[in-house]
Amino acid sequence: GRQGQKVFAEQVNIVNDGLLPSGLGTSPFDGEGVPSEKTLLVDGGIFNAALYDLHHAHKHGKSPTGSANRGIKAPPSIGTSNLFLSKGKRTPSNLMDGISKGILITDLMGVHTANPVTGDFSLGASGILIEDGKLGRPVKGFAVAGNVVELFAKMTDIGSDLKWFGSTGAPSVRVTELSIGGS
């Protein structure tokens, strides 16, 4: 019900591209035989489109987006192919400019435990302190908590270093704030 509304920061563009050259999720057709396509899900922070398999497209009066995944023991369902946050223009080191005190998070543990309905998360983390725009000493054993939707809304800049983790990709990002706990 939020299509056409601003839900994330203006810099955020999220794409699902079933036709991405050399993408691990690239295929000419989805799990139902519908041609794969590129779908711009979020454009400039605005919720632009959703993914549909045949069932949900019919149910909502939409066209399928070639986004059905098929498993061995279950019927086809909506899924992603090559899902990514589009890269920005700044290098990761430039993202630290102007940060008087912060943390470069290098590892998150328990990402699979984020609540898929509410978007709430509480994760173990490790990283490197940022002081006056420069990397300092490593830190570990702390936790970060928040909400995925709020996190995307608090992004102030996006790096140029798009990295892939299987068929999901993201660059470095800078956020205004994130709840951090630990000693």
C-alpha atoms as a PDB file:
ATOM      1  CA  GLY A   1       0.000   0.000   0.000  1.00  0.00           C
ATOM      2  CA  ARG A   2       2.983   2.370  -0.063  1.00  0.00           C
ATOM      3  CA  GLN A   3       3.750   2.278  -3.788  1.00  0.00           C
ATOM      4  CA  GLY A   4       4.607   5.760  -5.068  1.00  0.00           C
ATOM      5  CA  GLN A   5       5.547   6.963  -1.572  1.00  0.00           C
ATOM      6  CA  LYS A   6       8.964   7.992  -0.267  1.00  0.00           C
ATOM      7  CA  VAL A   7      10.048   5.249   2.128  1.00  0.00           C
ATOM      8  CA  PHE A   8      13.867   5.517   2.102  1.00  0.00           C
ATOM      9  CA  ALA A   9      16.558   8.174   1.755  1.00  0.00           C
ATOM     10  CA  GLU A  10      16.734   9.936  -1.615  1.00  0.00           C
ATOM     11  CA  GLN A  11      20.038   8.197  -2.500  1.00  0.00           C
ATOM     12  CA  VAL A  12      18.498   4.715  -2.292  1.00  0.00           C
ATOM     13  CA  ASN A  13      17.844   2.798  -5.512  1.00  0.00           C
ATOM     14  CA  ILE A  14      17.113  -0.933  -5.227  1.00  0.00           C
ATOM     15  CA  VAL A  15      17.024  -3.182  -8.289  1.00  0.00           C
ATOM     16  CA  ASN A  16      16.103  -6.814  -8.952  1.00  0.00           C
ATOM     17  CA  ASP A  17      17.647  -7.764 -12.302  1.00  0.00           C
ATOM     18  CA  GLY A  18      16.985 -11.272 -13.597  1.00  0.00           C
ATOM     19  CA  LEU A  19      18.923 -10.415 -16.776  1.00  0.00           C
ATOM     20  CA  LEU A  20      22.109  -8.978 -15.207  1.00  0.00           C
ATOM     21  CA  PRO A  21      25.095 -10.115 -17.299  1.00  0.00           C
ATOM     22  CA  SER A  22      27.188 -12.653 -15.301  1.00  0.00           C
ATOM     23  CA  GLY A  23      24.821 -12.421 -12.312  1.00  0.00           C
ATOM     24  CA  LEU A  24      24.476 -15.577 -10.207  1.00  0.00           C
ATOM     25  CA  GLY A  25      20.674 -15.220 -10.287  1.00  0.00           C
ATOM     26  CA  THR A  26      20.484 -14.520 -14.026  1.00  0.00           C
ATOM     27  CA  SER A  27      18.129 -16.684 -16.059  1.00  0.00           C
ATOM     28  CA  PRO A  28      16.077 -16.086 -19.197  1.00  0.00           C
ATOM     29  CA  PHE A  29      12.933 -17.308 -17.372  1.00  0.00           C
ATOM     30  CA  ASP A  30      11.770 -17.540 -13.762  1.00  0.00           C
ATOM     31  CA  GLY A  31      10.513 -20.673 -11.973  1.00  0.00           C
ATOM     32  CA  GLU A  32       7.118 -20.439 -13.736  1.00  0.00           C
ATOM     33  CA  GLY A  33       8.459 -19.904 -17.270  1.00  0.00           C
ATOM     34  CA  VAL A  34       7.777 -16.133 -17.252  1.00  0.00           C
ATOM     35  CA  PRO A  35      10.555 -14.116 -18.949  1.00  0.00           C
ATOM     36  CA  SER A  36      12.952 -12.592 -16.416  1.00  0.00           C
ATOM     37  CA  GLU A  37      13.206  -8.811 -16.298  1.00  0.00           C
ATOM     38  CA  LYS A  38      14.854  -5.899 -14.552  1.00  0.00           C
ATOM     39  CA  THR A  39      12.606  -4.274 -11.932  1.00  0.00           C
ATOM     40  CA  LEU A  40      13.454  -0.962 -10.252  1.00  0.00           C
ATOM     41  CA  LEU A  41      11.938  -1.553  -6.810  1.00  0.00           C
ATOM     42  CA  VAL A  42      13.013   1.704  -5.143  1.00  0.00           C
ATOM     43  CA  ASP A  43      13.868   4.791  -7.204  1.00  0.00           C
ATOM     44  CA  GLY A  44      15.313   7.809  -5.379  1.00  0.00           C
ATOM     45  CA  GLY A  45      13.884   6.529  -2.089  1.00  0.00           C
ATOM     46  CA  ILE A  46      10.395   6.096  -3.569  1.00  0.00           C
ATOM     47  CA  PHE A  47       8.777   2.660  -3.498  1.00  0.00           C
ATOM     48  CA  ASN A  48       8.409   2.172  -7.232  1.00  0.00           C
ATOM     49  CA  ALA A  49       7.420  -1.462  -7.830  1.00  0.00           C
ATOM     50  CA  ALA A  50       6.924  -4.848  -6.216  1.00  0.00           C
ATOM     51  CA  LEU A  51       7.850  -8.340  -7.399  1.00  0.00           C
ATOM     52  CA  TYR A  52       5.083 -10.669  -8.576  1.00  0.00           C
ATOM     53  CA  ASP A  53       4.795 -14.334  -9.442  1.00  0.00           C
ATOM     54  CA  LEU A  54       1.803 -15.474 -11.539  1.00  0.00           C
ATOM     55  CA  HIS A  55      -0.472 -16.101  -8.544  1.00  0.00           C
ATOM     56  CA  HIS A  56       0.120 -12.755  -6.823  1.00  0.00           C
ATOM     57  CA  ALA A  57       0.082 -10.804 -10.096  1.00  0.00           C
ATOM     58  CA  HIS A  58      -3.386 -12.201 -10.871  1.00  0.00           C
ATOM     59  CA  LYS A  59      -4.570 -11.618  -7.295  1.00  0.00           C
ATOM     60  CA  HIS A  60      -3.514  -7.932  -7.383  1.00  0.00           C
ATOM     61  CA  GLY A  61      -4.355  -7.179 -11.013  1.00  0.00           C
ATOM     62  CA  LYS A  62      -0.699  -6.701 -11.981  1.00  0.00           C
ATOM     63  CA  SER A  63       1.643  -8.246 -14.529  1.00  0.00           C
ATOM     64  CA  PRO A  64       4.123 -10.894 -13.354  1.00  0.00           C
ATOM     65  CA  THR A  65       7.702  -9.599 -13.054  1.00  0.00           C
ATOM     66  CA  GLY A  66       9.504 -12.868 -13.781  1.00  0.00           C
ATOM     67  CA  SER A  67      10.230 -13.236 -10.067  1.00  0.00           C
ATOM     68  CA  ALA A  68       9.076 -16.747  -9.178  1.00  0.00           C
ATOM     69  CA  ASN A  69      11.498 -19.133  -7.513  1.00  0.00           C
ATOM     70  CA  ARG A  70      10.865 -22.857  -7.541  1.00  0.00           C
ATOM     71  CA  GLY A  71      11.982 -25.286  -4.857  1.00  0.00           C
ATOM     72  CA  ILE A  72      11.936 -29.066  -4.720  1.00  0.00           C
ATOM     73  CA  LYS A  73       9.208 -29.515  -2.089  1.00  0.00           C
ATOM     74  CA  ALA A  74       7.136 -26.340  -2.418  1.00  0.00           C
ATOM     75  CA  PRO A  75       5.146 -24.584  -5.126  1.00  0.00           C
ATOM     76  CA  PRO A  76       6.693 -21.549  -6.846  1.00  0.00           C
ATOM     77  CA  SER A  77       6.773 -18.370  -4.788  1.00  0.00           C
ATOM     78  CA  ILE A  78       7.946 -14.780  -5.147  1.00  0.00           C
ATOM     79  CA  GLY A  79      11.713 -14.463  -4.957  1.00  0.00           C
ATOM     80  CA  THR A  80      14.629 -12.357  -6.084  1.00  0.00           C
ATOM     81  CA  SER A  81      17.209 -12.989  -8.778  1.00  0.00           C
ATOM     82  CA  ASN A  82      20.048 -10.431  -8.668  1.00  0.00           C
ATOM     83  CA  LEU A  83      18.893  -8.027  -5.942  1.00  0.00           C
ATOM     84  CA  PHE A  84      21.113  -5.042  -5.192  1.00  0.00           C
ATOM     85  CA  LEU A  85      21.390  -1.560  -3.763  1.00  0.00           C
ATOM     86  CA  SER A  86      22.765   0.599  -6.598  1.00  0.00           C
ATOM     87  CA  LYS A  87      26.235   1.975  -5.986  1.00  0.00           C
ATOM     88  CA  GLY A  88      26.918   5.635  -5.333  1.00  0.00           C
ATOM     89  CA  LYS A  89      29.817   7.864  -6.354  1.00  0.00           C
ATOM     90  CA  ARG A  90      31.970   8.121  -3.208  1.00  0.00           C
ATOM     91  CA  THR A  91      34.797   5.774  -2.331  1.00  0.00           C
ATOM     92  CA  PRO A  92      34.519   3.972   1.012  1.00  0.00           C
ATOM     93  CA  SER A  93      37.290   6.168   2.474  1.00  0.00           C
ATOM     94  CA  ASN A  94      35.406   9.318   1.354  1.00  0.00           C
ATOM     95  CA  LEU A  95      32.334   8.093   3.239  1.00  0.00           C
ATOM     96  CA  MET A  96      34.284   8.657   6.494  1.00  0.00           C
ATOM     97  CA  ASP A  97      34.977  12.342   5.750  1.00  0.00           C
ATOM     98  CA  GLY A  98      33.561  14.567   8.473  1.00  0.00           C
ATOM     99  CA  ILE A  99      32.833  11.757  10.953  1.00  0.00           C
ATOM    100  CA  SER A 100      34.232  12.858  14.321  1.00  0.00           C
ATOM    101  CA  LYS A 101      33.344   9.591  16.061  1.00  0.00           C
ATOM    102  CA  GLY A 102      31.800   6.491  14.520  1.00  0.00           C
ATOM    103  CA  ILE A 103      32.312   2.836  13.661  1.00  0.00           C
ATOM    104  CA  LEU A 104      33.043   1.152  10.360  1.00  0.00           C
ATOM    105  CA  ILE A 105      31.103  -2.095  10.755  1.00  0.00           C
ATOM    106  CA  THR A 106      33.046  -4.901   9.083  1.00  0.00           C
ATOM    107  CA  ASP A 107      31.094  -7.952  10.261  1.00  0.00           C
ATOM    108  CA  LEU A 108      27.540  -8.672  11.389  1.00  0.00           C
ATOM    109  CA  MET A 109      26.484 -11.906  13.047  1.00  0.00           C
ATOM    110  CA  GLY A 110      22.922 -13.238  13.014  1.00  0.00           C
ATOM    111  CA  VAL A 111      21.577 -11.262  10.045  1.00  0.00           C
ATOM    112  CA  HIS A 112      19.182 -14.158   9.373  1.00  0.00           C
ATOM    113  CA  THR A 113      17.473 -13.387  12.694  1.00  0.00           C
ATOM    114  CA  ALA A 114      16.084 -10.008  11.535  1.00  0.00           C
ATOM    115  CA  ASN A 115      12.302 -10.000  11.781  1.00  0.00           C
ATOM    116  CA  PRO A 116      10.973 -10.344   8.201  1.00  0.00           C
ATOM    117  CA  VAL A 117       7.627  -8.738   9.114  1.00  0.00           C
ATOM    118  CA  THR A 118       8.646  -5.724  11.232  1.00  0.00           C
ATOM    119  CA  GLY A 119      12.234  -5.292   9.987  1.00  0.00           C
ATOM    120  CA  ASP A 120      13.570  -5.111  13.553  1.00  0.00           C
ATOM    121  CA  PHE A 121      17.061  -6.485  14.160  1.00  0.00           C
ATOM    122  CA  SER A 122      19.613  -6.919  16.939  1.00  0.00           C
ATOM    123  CA  LEU A 123      22.931  -8.279  15.724  1.00  0.00           C
ATOM    124  CA  GLY A 124      26.399  -8.981  17.023  1.00  0.00           C
ATOM    125  CA  ALA A 125      29.042  -6.870  15.290  1.00  0.00           C
ATOM    126  CA  SER A 126      32.711  -6.044  14.956  1.00  0.00           C
ATOM    127  CA  GLY A 127      34.453  -3.191  13.201  1.00  0.00           C
ATOM    128  CA  ILE A 128      36.949  -0.354  13.341  1.00  0.00           C
ATOM    129  CA  LEU A 129      36.578   2.937  15.194  1.00  0.00           C
ATOM    130  CA  ILE A 130      36.426   6.089  13.085  1.00  0.00           C
ATOM    131  CA  GLU A 131      37.869   9.202  14.728  1.00  0.00           C
ATOM    132  CA  ASP A 132      38.117  12.523  12.902  1.00  0.00           C
ATOM    133  CA  GLY A 133      37.485  10.827   9.544  1.00  0.00           C
ATOM    134  CA  LYS A 134      40.312   8.287  10.002  1.00  0.00           C
ATOM    135  CA  LEU A 135      40.304   4.598  10.905  1.00  0.00           C
ATOM    136  CA  GLY A 136      41.451   3.838  14.441  1.00  0.00           C
ATOM    137  CA  ARG A 137      41.597   0.645  16.489  1.00  0.00           C
ATOM    138  CA  PRO A 138      39.508  -2.486  15.911  1.00  0.00           C
ATOM    139  CA  VAL A 139      36.458  -3.096  18.108  1.00  0.00           C
ATOM    140  CA  LYS A 140      34.509  -6.306  18.643  1.00  0.00           C
ATOM    141  CA  GLY A 141      31.842  -7.811  20.850  1.00  0.00           C
ATOM    142  CA  PHE A 142      29.247  -5.080  20.471  1.00  0.00           C
ATOM    143  CA  ALA A 143      25.662  -5.198  19.240  1.00  0.00           C
ATOM    144  CA  VAL A 144      23.748  -3.049  16.773  1.00  0.00           C
ATOM    145  CA  ALA A 145      19.977  -2.767  16.844  1.00  0.00           C
ATOM    146  CA  GLY A 146      17.354  -1.011  14.792  1.00  0.00           C
ATOM    147  CA  ASN A 147      14.882  -1.416  11.989  1.00  0.00           C
ATOM    148  CA  VAL A 148      15.752  -2.131   8.341  1.00  0.00           C
ATOM    149  CA  VAL A 149      13.278   0.442   6.945  1.00  0.00           C
ATOM    150  CA  GLU A 150      14.569   3.127   9.328  1.00  0.00           C
ATOM    151  CA  LEU A 151      18.171   2.200   8.475  1.00  0.00           C
ATOM    152  CA  PHE A 152      17.522   2.755   4.740  1.00  0.00           C
ATOM    153  CA  ALA A 153      15.801   6.056   5.590  1.00  0.00           C
ATOM    154  CA  LYS A 154      18.887   7.207   7.558  1.00  0.00           C
ATOM    155  CA  MET A 155      21.392   6.592   4.745  1.00  0.00           C
ATOM    156  CA  THR A 156      23.219   9.804   3.981  1.00  0.00           C
ATOM    157  CA  ASP A 157      25.611   8.479   1.347  1.00  0.00           C
ATOM    158  CA  ILE A 158      26.346   5.345  -0.657  1.00  0.00           C
ATOM    159  CA  GLY A 159      29.762   4.077  -1.736  1.00  0.00           C
ATOM    160  CA  SER A 160      30.995   3.124  -5.186  1.00  0.00           C
ATOM    161  CA  ASP A 161      32.173  -0.334  -4.063  1.00  0.00           C
ATOM    162  CA  LEU A 162      29.268  -2.639  -4.963  1.00  0.00           C
ATOM    163  CA  LYS A 163      30.068  -6.143  -3.636  1.00  0.00           C
ATOM    164  CA  TRP A 164      28.129  -9.316  -4.300  1.00  0.00           C
ATOM    165  CA  PHE A 165      27.214 -11.981  -1.753  1.00  0.00           C
ATOM    166  CA  GLY A 166      25.801 -14.693  -3.997  1.00  0.00           C
ATOM    167  CA  SER A 167      22.988 -13.052  -5.957  1.00  0.00           C
ATOM    168  CA  THR A 168      22.572 -10.133  -3.521  1.00  0.00           C
ATOM    169  CA  GLY A 169      24.748  -7.024  -3.735  1.00  0.00           C
ATOM    170  CA  ALA A 170      25.390  -3.856  -1.763  1.00  0.00           C
ATOM    171  CA  PRO A 171      28.006  -1.117  -1.542  1.00  0.00           C
ATOM    172  CA  SER A 172      29.287   0.546   1.630  1.00  0.00           C
ATOM    173  CA  VAL A 173      26.787   2.981   3.126  1.00  0.00           C
ATOM    174  CA  ARG A 174      26.879   5.825   5.628  1.00  0.00           C
ATOM    175  CA  VAL A 175      24.016   6.226   8.101  1.00  0.00           C
ATOM    176  CA  THR A 176      23.324   9.102  10.474  1.00  0.00           C
ATOM    177  CA  GLU A 177      22.738   6.906  13.511  1.00  0.00           C
ATOM    178  CA  LEU A 178      22.409   3.351  14.693  1.00  0.00           C
ATOM    179  CA  SER A 179      21.854   2.001  18.195  1.00  0.00           C
ATOM    180  CA  ILE A 180      25.091   0.400  19.455  1.00  0.00           C
ATOM    181  CA  GLY A 181      25.601  -1.414  22.758  1.00  0.00           C
ATOM    182  CA  GLY A 182      28.577  -3.026  24.464  1.00  0.00           C
ATOM    183  CA  SER A 183      31.677  -2.084  26.370  1.00  0.00           C
END
